[in-house]
Protein backbone atom coordinates (compact mmCIF):
# COMPACT_ATOMS: atom_id res chain seq x y z
CA MET A 1 64.77 -48.29 -116.11
CA THR A 2 63.14 -50.29 -113.29
CA ASP A 3 59.66 -49.51 -114.66
CA ASP A 4 60.81 -50.52 -118.15
CA ILE A 5 61.78 -53.92 -116.80
CA ALA A 6 58.81 -54.37 -114.46
CA PHE A 7 56.22 -53.61 -117.14
CA ASN A 8 57.99 -55.61 -119.83
CA ASP A 9 56.34 -58.75 -121.12
CA VAL A 10 57.79 -62.21 -120.66
CA ARG A 11 59.30 -62.31 -124.14
CA GLY A 12 61.04 -58.99 -123.49
CA LEU A 13 62.43 -60.18 -120.15
CA ARG A 14 63.69 -63.39 -121.76
CA GLN A 15 65.57 -61.36 -124.37
CA LEU A 16 67.22 -59.33 -121.62
CA MET A 17 68.37 -62.46 -119.81
CA VAL A 18 69.45 -64.49 -122.83
CA SER A 19 71.46 -61.52 -124.15
CA GLY A 20 73.17 -61.14 -120.78
CA ARG A 21 71.91 -57.62 -120.14
CA ILE A 22 70.37 -58.80 -116.86
CA THR A 23 70.81 -61.95 -114.81
CA PRO A 24 67.91 -63.94 -113.37
CA THR A 25 69.01 -62.90 -109.88
CA GLU A 26 69.04 -59.22 -110.86
CA LEU A 27 65.59 -59.64 -112.38
CA VAL A 28 64.28 -61.13 -109.15
CA ASP A 29 65.82 -58.18 -107.29
CA VAL A 30 63.90 -55.73 -109.50
CA PHE A 31 60.58 -57.36 -108.71
CA ALA A 32 61.47 -57.83 -105.03
CA GLU A 33 62.10 -54.09 -104.77
CA ARG A 34 58.73 -53.35 -106.36
CA ILE A 35 56.93 -55.78 -104.08
CA ASP A 36 58.47 -53.99 -101.13
CA LEU A 37 57.37 -50.65 -102.58
CA TYR A 38 53.85 -51.43 -103.76
CA ASN A 39 52.53 -54.42 -101.84
CA GLY A 40 51.34 -52.21 -99.00
CA VAL A 41 48.93 -50.36 -101.26
CA SER A 42 48.10 -53.12 -103.76
CA LYS A 43 47.68 -55.91 -101.15
CA ALA A 44 48.69 -58.25 -103.97
CA PHE A 45 50.85 -60.75 -102.07
CA ILE A 46 49.96 -62.73 -98.98
CA THR A 47 53.25 -64.64 -98.86
CA PRO A 48 56.20 -63.39 -100.92
CA THR A 49 58.97 -66.01 -101.19
CA LEU A 50 61.76 -63.73 -102.33
CA GLU A 51 64.73 -65.45 -100.67
CA ASP A 52 63.72 -68.78 -102.21
CA ALA A 53 63.31 -67.02 -105.55
CA LYS A 54 66.80 -65.54 -105.37
CA GLU A 55 68.24 -68.95 -104.53
CA GLN A 56 66.43 -70.56 -107.49
CA ALA A 57 67.57 -67.78 -109.82
CA SER A 58 71.21 -68.04 -108.74
CA LYS A 59 71.32 -71.73 -109.68
CA LEU A 60 70.14 -71.28 -113.28
CA SER A 61 72.76 -72.13 -115.90
CA LYS A 62 72.93 -70.87 -119.48
CA ASP A 63 71.42 -74.17 -120.59
CA ASP A 64 68.60 -73.69 -118.11
CA LEU A 65 67.89 -70.23 -119.52
CA ASN A 66 67.45 -71.72 -122.97
CA SER A 67 65.21 -74.56 -121.80
CA SER A 68 61.77 -72.92 -122.03
CA ALA A 69 59.85 -69.76 -122.87
CA PHE A 70 59.52 -68.99 -119.13
CA ALA A 71 63.02 -69.96 -117.96
CA GLY A 72 64.27 -67.41 -115.43
CA VAL A 73 60.96 -65.53 -115.52
CA PRO A 74 59.32 -64.62 -112.18
CA TYR A 75 55.64 -65.40 -111.66
CA ALA A 76 53.14 -65.58 -108.80
CA SER A 77 50.28 -67.93 -107.98
CA LYS A 78 46.94 -67.36 -106.29
CA ASP A 79 47.10 -68.65 -102.75
CA LEU A 80 45.02 -71.69 -103.62
CA PHE A 81 47.95 -73.30 -105.48
CA ASP A 82 50.23 -75.52 -103.44
CA VAL A 83 53.92 -74.63 -103.63
CA GLU A 84 56.08 -77.13 -101.78
CA GLY A 85 57.16 -75.87 -98.36
CA VAL A 86 55.04 -72.70 -98.55
CA LEU A 87 51.87 -71.86 -96.63
CA THR A 88 48.64 -72.17 -98.65
CA THR A 89 46.14 -69.92 -96.85
CA ALA A 90 43.33 -69.76 -99.45
CA GLY A 91 42.91 -66.22 -98.12
CA SER A 92 41.48 -67.52 -94.85
CA ARG A 93 42.33 -67.92 -91.16
CA VAL A 94 41.11 -71.50 -91.52
CA PHE A 95 44.33 -72.51 -93.33
CA HIS A 96 46.74 -70.55 -91.13
CA ASP A 97 48.88 -73.71 -90.69
CA ARG A 98 48.49 -75.48 -94.05
CA VAL A 99 52.02 -75.85 -95.44
CA ALA A 100 52.10 -77.60 -98.82
CA LYS A 101 53.94 -80.92 -98.99
CA SER A 102 54.27 -80.83 -102.79
CA ASP A 103 53.68 -78.57 -105.79
CA SER A 104 50.38 -78.27 -107.58
CA PHE A 105 50.44 -79.53 -111.17
CA ALA A 106 50.79 -76.07 -112.76
CA VAL A 107 53.50 -74.97 -110.31
CA ALA A 108 55.41 -78.22 -110.89
CA GLU A 109 55.33 -77.65 -114.64
CA LEU A 110 56.60 -74.10 -114.19
CA ARG A 111 59.33 -75.27 -111.83
CA ALA A 112 60.42 -77.86 -114.41
CA SER A 113 60.50 -75.03 -116.97
CA CYS A 114 62.88 -73.05 -114.73
CA ALA A 115 60.36 -70.28 -114.00
CA ILE A 116 60.82 -68.53 -110.65
CA SER A 117 57.99 -68.39 -108.09
CA LEU A 118 57.90 -65.08 -106.20
CA GLY A 119 55.12 -66.17 -103.88
CA LYS A 120 51.40 -66.47 -103.23
CA THR A 121 48.81 -63.83 -104.04
CA ASN A 122 45.71 -62.53 -102.28
CA LEU A 123 42.13 -63.53 -103.05
CA HIS A 124 38.54 -63.39 -101.90
CA GLU A 125 38.41 -65.96 -99.07
CA PHE A 126 38.33 -69.47 -100.60
CA ALA A 127 37.56 -67.82 -103.98
CA TYR A 128 34.00 -67.08 -102.86
CA GLY A 129 33.36 -63.66 -104.38
CA ALA A 130 34.08 -61.44 -107.36
CA THR A 131 35.11 -58.25 -105.54
CA GLY A 132 38.31 -59.58 -103.98
CA GLU A 133 37.44 -58.09 -100.60
CA ASN A 134 39.30 -59.89 -97.80
CA GLU A 135 38.97 -58.97 -94.14
CA VAL A 136 42.13 -60.87 -93.16
CA TYR A 137 44.69 -59.91 -95.81
CA GLY A 138 43.18 -56.70 -97.14
CA THR A 139 41.36 -55.82 -100.33
CA CYS A 140 43.37 -55.58 -103.54
CA VAL A 141 42.99 -52.32 -105.44
CA ASN A 142 43.12 -51.36 -109.09
CA ALA A 143 46.44 -50.13 -110.44
CA TYR A 144 44.69 -47.49 -112.59
CA ASP A 145 42.82 -46.03 -109.62
CA THR A 146 43.58 -47.28 -106.12
CA SER A 147 40.15 -46.19 -104.90
CA ARG A 148 38.69 -48.91 -107.17
CA LEU A 149 38.47 -52.68 -106.85
CA ALA A 150 40.87 -55.01 -108.61
CA GLY A 151 38.03 -57.51 -108.87
CA GLY A 152 38.13 -61.14 -107.82
CA SER A 153 38.37 -63.70 -106.75
CA SER A 154 41.91 -63.78 -108.24
CA SER A 155 42.38 -60.21 -107.06
CA GLY A 156 45.99 -60.56 -105.95
CA SER A 157 47.12 -62.17 -109.18
CA ALA A 158 45.57 -59.29 -111.15
CA ALA A 159 47.03 -56.64 -108.86
CA ALA A 160 50.47 -58.28 -108.93
CA VAL A 161 50.68 -58.13 -112.73
CA ALA A 162 48.96 -54.74 -113.04
CA PHE A 163 51.26 -53.08 -110.48
CA GLY A 164 54.34 -54.54 -112.21
CA LEU A 165 55.21 -56.91 -109.35
CA VAL A 166 55.36 -59.95 -111.67
CA PRO A 167 54.94 -60.35 -115.45
CA ALA A 168 52.54 -63.31 -115.14
CA ALA A 169 50.40 -65.06 -112.57
CA LEU A 170 48.25 -68.13 -112.02
CA GLY A 171 44.66 -67.82 -110.84
CA THR A 172 41.49 -69.85 -110.66
CA ASP A 173 38.25 -69.18 -112.49
CA THR A 174 34.94 -70.62 -111.28
CA GLY A 175 32.66 -67.87 -112.58
CA GLY A 176 35.06 -65.38 -114.14
CA SER A 177 37.58 -65.03 -111.32
CA VAL A 178 40.51 -64.69 -113.73
CA ARG A 179 38.86 -63.11 -116.75
CA ALA A 180 36.94 -60.37 -114.94
CA PRO A 181 39.80 -58.97 -112.81
CA ALA A 182 42.12 -59.22 -115.81
CA ALA A 183 39.67 -57.10 -117.81
CA LEU A 184 39.25 -54.56 -115.00
CA ASN A 185 43.03 -54.16 -114.76
CA GLY A 186 43.90 -54.04 -118.46
CA LEU A 187 45.43 -57.52 -118.63
CA VAL A 188 45.01 -60.72 -120.64
CA GLY A 189 43.03 -63.34 -118.72
CA LEU A 190 42.57 -66.89 -120.00
CA LYS A 191 40.25 -69.63 -118.81
CA PRO A 192 41.23 -72.65 -120.89
CA THR A 193 38.87 -75.49 -121.74
CA ILE A 194 37.81 -77.38 -118.64
CA GLY A 195 40.31 -80.20 -118.12
CA ARG A 196 43.05 -78.59 -120.21
CA VAL A 197 45.06 -77.54 -117.12
CA PRO A 198 44.76 -79.98 -114.20
CA THR A 199 43.53 -78.58 -110.88
CA SER A 200 45.65 -81.06 -108.92
CA GLY A 201 47.12 -79.40 -105.84
CA VAL A 202 44.71 -76.46 -106.01
CA VAL A 203 42.35 -75.91 -103.07
CA PRO A 204 38.90 -76.67 -104.54
CA TYR A 205 35.86 -74.44 -104.38
CA CYS A 206 33.51 -76.12 -106.86
CA TRP A 207 34.78 -79.22 -108.67
CA THR A 208 32.25 -78.91 -111.49
CA LEU A 209 33.16 -75.33 -112.39
CA ASP A 210 36.75 -74.76 -111.20
CA HIS A 211 39.33 -73.95 -113.89
CA VAL A 212 42.98 -72.98 -113.61
CA GLY A 213 43.46 -69.61 -115.33
CA LEU A 214 46.34 -67.43 -116.51
CA MET A 215 47.05 -63.68 -116.31
CA THR A 216 49.65 -62.02 -118.50
CA ARG A 217 50.35 -58.72 -120.24
CA THR A 218 50.23 -60.03 -123.79
CA ILE A 219 48.60 -62.71 -125.91
CA ALA A 220 51.99 -64.23 -126.77
CA ASP A 221 52.83 -64.64 -123.09
CA SER A 222 49.45 -66.29 -122.45
CA ALA A 223 49.97 -68.71 -125.33
CA GLU A 224 53.44 -69.69 -124.14
CA LEU A 225 52.32 -70.05 -120.53
CA LEU A 226 49.44 -72.32 -121.52
CA SER A 227 51.84 -74.53 -123.48
CA ILE A 228 53.75 -75.05 -120.21
CA VAL A 229 50.96 -75.63 -117.68
CA ALA A 230 48.53 -77.59 -119.86
CA GLY A 231 48.68 -81.36 -119.59
CA TYR A 232 47.11 -84.45 -118.10
CA ASP A 233 46.97 -85.69 -114.52
CA SER A 234 45.03 -88.84 -113.74
CA SER A 235 44.46 -87.66 -110.16
CA ASP A 236 42.20 -84.87 -111.50
CA SER A 237 38.93 -86.43 -112.66
CA ALA A 238 38.27 -83.50 -115.02
CA SER A 239 41.70 -83.68 -116.67
CA VAL A 240 41.65 -84.69 -120.34
CA ASN A 241 44.41 -86.81 -121.84
CA ARG A 242 45.15 -85.21 -125.17
CA PRO A 243 48.30 -83.68 -126.70
CA VAL A 244 49.32 -80.15 -125.72
CA GLU A 245 49.75 -77.79 -128.63
CA ASN A 246 52.43 -75.20 -129.22
CA TYR A 247 49.94 -72.37 -129.00
CA SER A 248 52.46 -69.79 -130.16
CA LEU A 249 52.18 -71.21 -133.68
CA ALA A 250 48.73 -69.59 -133.95
CA LEU A 251 50.14 -66.10 -133.47
CA GLY A 252 50.39 -63.98 -136.59
CA GLN A 253 48.08 -66.15 -138.68
CA ASP A 254 45.56 -64.40 -140.92
CA VAL A 255 42.06 -64.07 -139.45
CA ALA A 256 40.26 -63.51 -142.76
CA GLY A 257 37.37 -65.92 -143.10
CA LEU A 258 37.01 -66.64 -139.39
CA ARG A 259 33.34 -66.56 -138.38
CA VAL A 260 32.71 -64.55 -135.22
CA GLY A 261 29.43 -65.01 -133.38
CA ILE A 262 27.74 -61.88 -132.05
CA PRO A 263 25.10 -62.79 -129.43
CA ARG A 264 21.59 -61.50 -130.06
CA ASN A 265 20.63 -61.99 -126.42
CA PHE A 266 22.06 -61.33 -122.95
CA TYR A 267 25.69 -60.46 -123.71
CA TYR A 268 25.17 -56.88 -124.83
CA ASP A 269 22.36 -56.10 -122.38
CA ARG A 270 22.60 -53.61 -119.49
CA ALA A 271 26.19 -52.58 -120.17
CA ASP A 272 28.01 -49.27 -119.87
CA ASP A 273 27.57 -47.32 -123.13
CA GLU A 274 31.32 -46.74 -123.46
CA ILE A 275 31.96 -50.49 -123.18
CA LEU A 276 29.43 -51.14 -125.92
CA ALA A 277 31.03 -48.44 -128.08
CA GLU A 278 34.44 -50.11 -127.75
CA LEU A 279 32.96 -53.43 -128.78
CA GLU A 280 31.53 -51.75 -131.89
CA ARG A 281 35.07 -50.61 -132.73
CA VAL A 282 36.27 -54.18 -132.35
CA LYS A 283 33.55 -55.44 -134.67
CA GLU A 284 34.53 -52.85 -137.28
CA PHE A 285 38.14 -54.00 -137.06
CA LEU A 286 37.16 -57.65 -137.47
CA VAL A 287 35.16 -56.92 -140.59
CA ALA A 288 38.04 -54.87 -142.03
CA ALA A 289 40.38 -57.80 -141.29
CA GLY A 290 38.15 -60.15 -143.29
CA ALA A 291 36.36 -61.88 -140.44
CA ILE A 292 32.65 -62.64 -140.85
CA LEU A 293 30.21 -61.54 -138.16
CA VAL A 294 27.38 -64.02 -137.55
CA PRO A 295 24.43 -63.38 -135.20
CA VAL A 296 23.97 -66.19 -132.66
CA THR A 297 21.31 -66.86 -130.04
CA PHE A 298 22.25 -68.33 -126.68
CA PRO A 299 19.98 -70.58 -124.66
CA ASP A 300 17.65 -68.85 -122.21
CA MET A 301 19.89 -67.27 -119.56
CA GLU A 302 17.17 -66.27 -117.10
CA HIS A 303 18.16 -68.86 -114.51
CA SER A 304 21.84 -69.27 -115.36
CA ARG A 305 23.25 -67.56 -112.25
CA THR A 306 20.87 -69.50 -110.00
CA VAL A 307 21.98 -72.72 -111.70
CA SER A 308 25.63 -71.83 -111.12
CA LEU A 309 25.10 -71.07 -107.42
CA THR A 310 23.01 -74.22 -106.94
CA VAL A 311 25.99 -76.22 -108.15
CA GLN A 312 28.61 -74.15 -106.34
CA MET A 313 27.35 -74.05 -102.78
CA PRO A 314 26.71 -77.77 -102.08
CA GLU A 315 30.10 -78.58 -103.61
CA ALA A 316 31.79 -75.87 -101.52
CA LEU A 317 30.06 -77.23 -98.42
CA SER A 318 31.28 -80.72 -99.25
CA ALA A 319 34.84 -79.50 -99.81
CA HIS A 320 34.84 -77.77 -96.42
CA SER A 321 32.96 -80.34 -94.37
CA ALA A 322 36.17 -81.54 -92.71
CA TYR A 323 37.05 -78.03 -91.54
CA VAL A 324 33.68 -76.54 -90.60
CA GLN A 325 33.28 -78.76 -87.56
CA ASP A 326 36.71 -78.01 -86.05
CA ARG A 327 37.43 -74.52 -87.40
CA GLY A 328 34.04 -73.03 -88.16
CA ASP A 329 34.72 -69.92 -86.09
CA LEU A 330 37.73 -69.06 -88.28
CA TYR A 331 35.68 -68.60 -91.46
CA GLY A 332 34.75 -65.08 -92.55
CA ALA A 333 31.10 -64.08 -92.36
CA ASP A 334 30.82 -63.92 -96.15
CA PHE A 335 31.88 -67.51 -96.75
CA ARG A 336 30.02 -68.83 -93.70
CA ALA A 337 26.83 -67.43 -95.23
CA GLY A 338 27.62 -69.23 -98.47
CA LEU A 339 28.14 -72.53 -96.66
CA ALA A 340 24.83 -72.02 -94.86
CA LEU A 341 23.18 -71.57 -98.25
CA GLY A 342 24.73 -74.85 -99.35
CA GLN A 343 23.03 -76.60 -96.43
CA CYS A 344 19.64 -75.33 -97.63
CA ILE A 345 19.96 -76.70 -101.16
CA LEU A 346 18.33 -80.10 -101.59
CA ALA A 347 19.86 -82.96 -103.56
CA GLU A 348 16.93 -82.61 -105.97
CA HIS A 349 17.90 -78.96 -106.65
CA TYR A 350 21.56 -79.87 -107.15
CA VAL A 351 20.78 -82.67 -109.61
CA LYS A 352 18.36 -80.45 -111.53
CA ALA A 353 21.03 -77.72 -111.75
CA LYS A 354 23.56 -80.23 -113.06
CA ARG A 355 21.08 -81.21 -115.76
CA PHE A 356 20.73 -77.53 -116.69
CA VAL A 357 24.53 -77.34 -116.95
CA GLU A 358 24.55 -80.24 -119.40
CA VAL A 359 21.84 -78.59 -121.52
CA TYR A 360 23.84 -75.32 -121.52
CA ARG A 361 26.91 -77.23 -122.71
CA GLN A 362 25.10 -78.99 -125.51
CA GLU A 363 23.23 -75.93 -126.75
CA THR A 364 26.30 -73.68 -126.63
CA ASN A 365 28.37 -76.29 -128.39
CA LYS A 366 25.87 -76.27 -131.26
CA LEU A 367 26.60 -72.57 -131.83
CA PHE A 368 30.09 -73.54 -132.94
CA ASP A 369 28.66 -75.43 -135.90
CA ASP A 370 28.16 -72.00 -137.46
CA VAL A 371 30.95 -69.89 -135.92
CA ASP A 372 34.60 -70.26 -134.96
CA LEU A 373 34.54 -67.75 -132.10
CA ILE A 374 32.09 -65.71 -130.06
CA LEU A 375 32.70 -62.08 -129.12
CA THR A 376 31.23 -60.43 -126.01
CA PRO A 377 32.18 -57.62 -123.65
CA ALA A 378 34.34 -58.93 -120.79
CA THR A 379 32.28 -57.13 -118.13
CA PRO A 380 29.23 -54.85 -118.27
CA GLU A 381 30.85 -52.39 -115.85
CA ILE A 382 34.29 -50.88 -115.30
CA ALA A 383 36.05 -51.32 -111.95
CA GLN A 384 33.88 -49.90 -109.18
CA LYS A 385 34.84 -48.10 -105.99
CA VAL A 386 36.05 -50.18 -103.04
CA GLY A 387 33.04 -50.79 -100.82
CA THR A 388 30.48 -50.67 -103.63
CA VAL A 389 27.59 -53.04 -102.86
CA LYS A 390 25.26 -52.57 -105.84
CA VAL A 391 25.31 -51.00 -109.28
CA SER A 392 22.29 -49.74 -111.18
CA ARG A 393 21.98 -50.00 -114.95
CA ASN A 394 18.84 -49.29 -117.00
CA GLY A 395 16.78 -49.16 -113.84
CA VAL A 396 17.96 -52.56 -112.59
CA ASP A 397 19.92 -52.90 -109.34
CA GLU A 398 22.51 -55.65 -109.28
CA ALA A 399 24.98 -56.86 -106.65
CA ILE A 400 28.45 -55.70 -107.66
CA GLY A 401 29.89 -59.23 -107.69
CA ASN A 402 27.11 -60.41 -109.99
CA ALA A 403 27.70 -57.48 -112.32
CA ILE A 404 31.46 -58.07 -112.52
CA THR A 405 30.96 -61.67 -113.62
CA ARG A 406 27.66 -61.46 -115.51
CA TYR A 407 29.28 -62.13 -118.90
CA THR A 408 31.81 -64.74 -117.70
CA THR A 409 29.96 -67.15 -115.39
CA PHE A 410 28.09 -69.04 -118.10
CA PHE A 411 31.28 -70.34 -119.75
CA ASN A 412 32.39 -72.00 -116.53
CA MET A 413 29.24 -74.10 -116.77
CA THR A 414 29.76 -74.92 -120.44
CA GLY A 415 33.53 -75.38 -120.02
CA HIS A 416 34.44 -73.59 -123.27
CA PRO A 417 37.76 -71.74 -123.42
CA ALA A 418 37.44 -67.98 -122.99
CA LEU A 419 39.90 -65.10 -123.00
CA THR A 420 39.55 -61.48 -121.96
CA MET A 421 41.84 -58.71 -123.13
CA PRO A 422 41.91 -54.90 -123.14
CA CYS A 423 40.24 -53.07 -126.02
CA GLY A 424 40.14 -49.46 -124.84
CA MET A 425 39.94 -46.98 -122.00
CA HIS A 426 36.84 -45.56 -120.34
CA SER A 427 36.48 -41.80 -119.86
CA GLU A 428 36.94 -42.46 -116.12
CA GLY A 429 40.49 -43.65 -116.83
CA LEU A 430 39.86 -47.38 -116.41
CA PRO A 431 40.35 -50.29 -118.82
CA ILE A 432 37.61 -51.82 -120.93
CA GLY A 433 37.87 -55.45 -121.99
CA LEU A 434 36.43 -57.86 -124.54
CA GLN A 435 35.89 -61.62 -124.29
CA LEU A 436 36.55 -64.24 -126.97
CA VAL A 437 35.09 -67.74 -126.57
CA GLY A 438 36.05 -70.76 -128.65
CA ARG A 439 35.36 -74.42 -129.27
CA TYR A 440 36.51 -77.01 -126.77
CA PHE A 441 40.31 -77.33 -126.85
CA ASP A 442 40.58 -74.73 -129.62
CA GLU A 443 42.53 -72.16 -127.64
CA SER A 444 44.70 -71.70 -130.73
CA THR A 445 41.92 -69.97 -132.67
CA ILE A 446 41.25 -67.67 -129.72
CA PHE A 447 44.95 -66.77 -129.59
CA ARG A 448 44.99 -66.25 -133.36
CA MET A 449 42.17 -63.70 -133.24
CA ALA A 450 43.26 -62.08 -129.97
CA HIS A 451 46.77 -61.56 -131.29
CA ALA A 452 45.43 -59.94 -134.45
CA ILE A 453 43.41 -57.51 -132.33
CA GLU A 454 46.39 -56.80 -130.08
CA ARG A 455 49.00 -56.29 -132.79
CA SER A 456 46.70 -53.99 -134.80
CA GLY A 457 47.57 -51.23 -132.33
CA HIS A 458 44.01 -49.91 -132.40
CA PHE A 459 43.14 -51.24 -128.95
CA SER A 460 46.29 -50.74 -126.91
CA ILE A 461 45.95 -49.00 -123.57
CA PRO A 462 48.42 -46.99 -121.47
CA LEU A 463 50.21 -48.46 -118.48
CA PRO A 464 48.95 -47.38 -115.06
CA THR A 465 50.64 -44.35 -113.53
CA LEU A 466 51.79 -45.39 -110.07
CA GLY A 467 52.83 -42.96 -107.38
CA SER A 468 55.85 -43.67 -105.19
């Protein structure tokens, strides 16, 4: 029965509470027990806040439980999000004493919606890395095979949902840090349009590319969560003041006639054959459902990762300039090397990279004159073994972090909304994911198509089998 609750989706948990079959406090107790049981192996949580969660749950009235789609529902947030009165470590010794004085925007919206925070999740230090490896708080592992990586940098948020420790989690996505680990763990990962969810109260890594992202079990839960955390905050320069939709209204709509772009270049290159085979199955389903597949050509991607890093590292260095002088010895070697790289990048290089970013945005935006969505694999590889440094595909060696995020990074530069979701299982027993990309602020069409794929039943995957 505990597993049935822990692996239920948010809608299912809400039905249990509203019907009186379980109280919010009892629900918190279920997840608290699982955190106690599985956090040692998963390394998902840095700071559980279970006593606070129980207190919040005990105060919810019947009216409160009917106030929102997430009322009474436990969630977790990557330890970059400020939660009032709770330590925000950013996965680093540097912030060992940084207690938040107020909630981040997304956490405040969830608090107002009567959702219950269970604590702060693990990550690659300061979100600098796609493997999720962390020498201070441990490396999060994959629920389907604990010898494999959960992926990063939102590793703890992915592990927390995948291990059944929470039904939903907040993360950040600067190059795929929500979408890639979600795909590797068989979850739904959403990076909304840049500016759709304010980053206020979130420790920055790269202002130009940072997005708040969501991890859930289902498309419906993702849609309802976005409706809560989306909004406008004038203190975030990237935030966009436009109405927030009820994204759930897109669910169940017919997808016939939707035009789906299939990239001719880059996005199907150097990928695992089984991943490509699953994407062919998805294409066949789309055609059968009445969607129209349209070949599209992306701008030249040869220098796209270099462009991304040339923007990232000077901005990261700027964000950390106040701490490097006083606490430089507390940074991990990985992030220190990244900051050193930032010092070597000239202003001329940074400006040129920003101009590339603008070209990428304009040229990608033109693709949506002819299509409504774009379909790609989520990742070119399945989750790799902990400690993997490089992968080789078609005779090309690639750093594991680059491989994990090869298909996601570009859309942080363009700012388009993108969602990953499971679409099958690899013969090695690990999830395979797809990615759907849409027009700016058209998350509804992404949800519409993703929900059609999910509810078809052709792409569902089994839950992980966890030992005791």
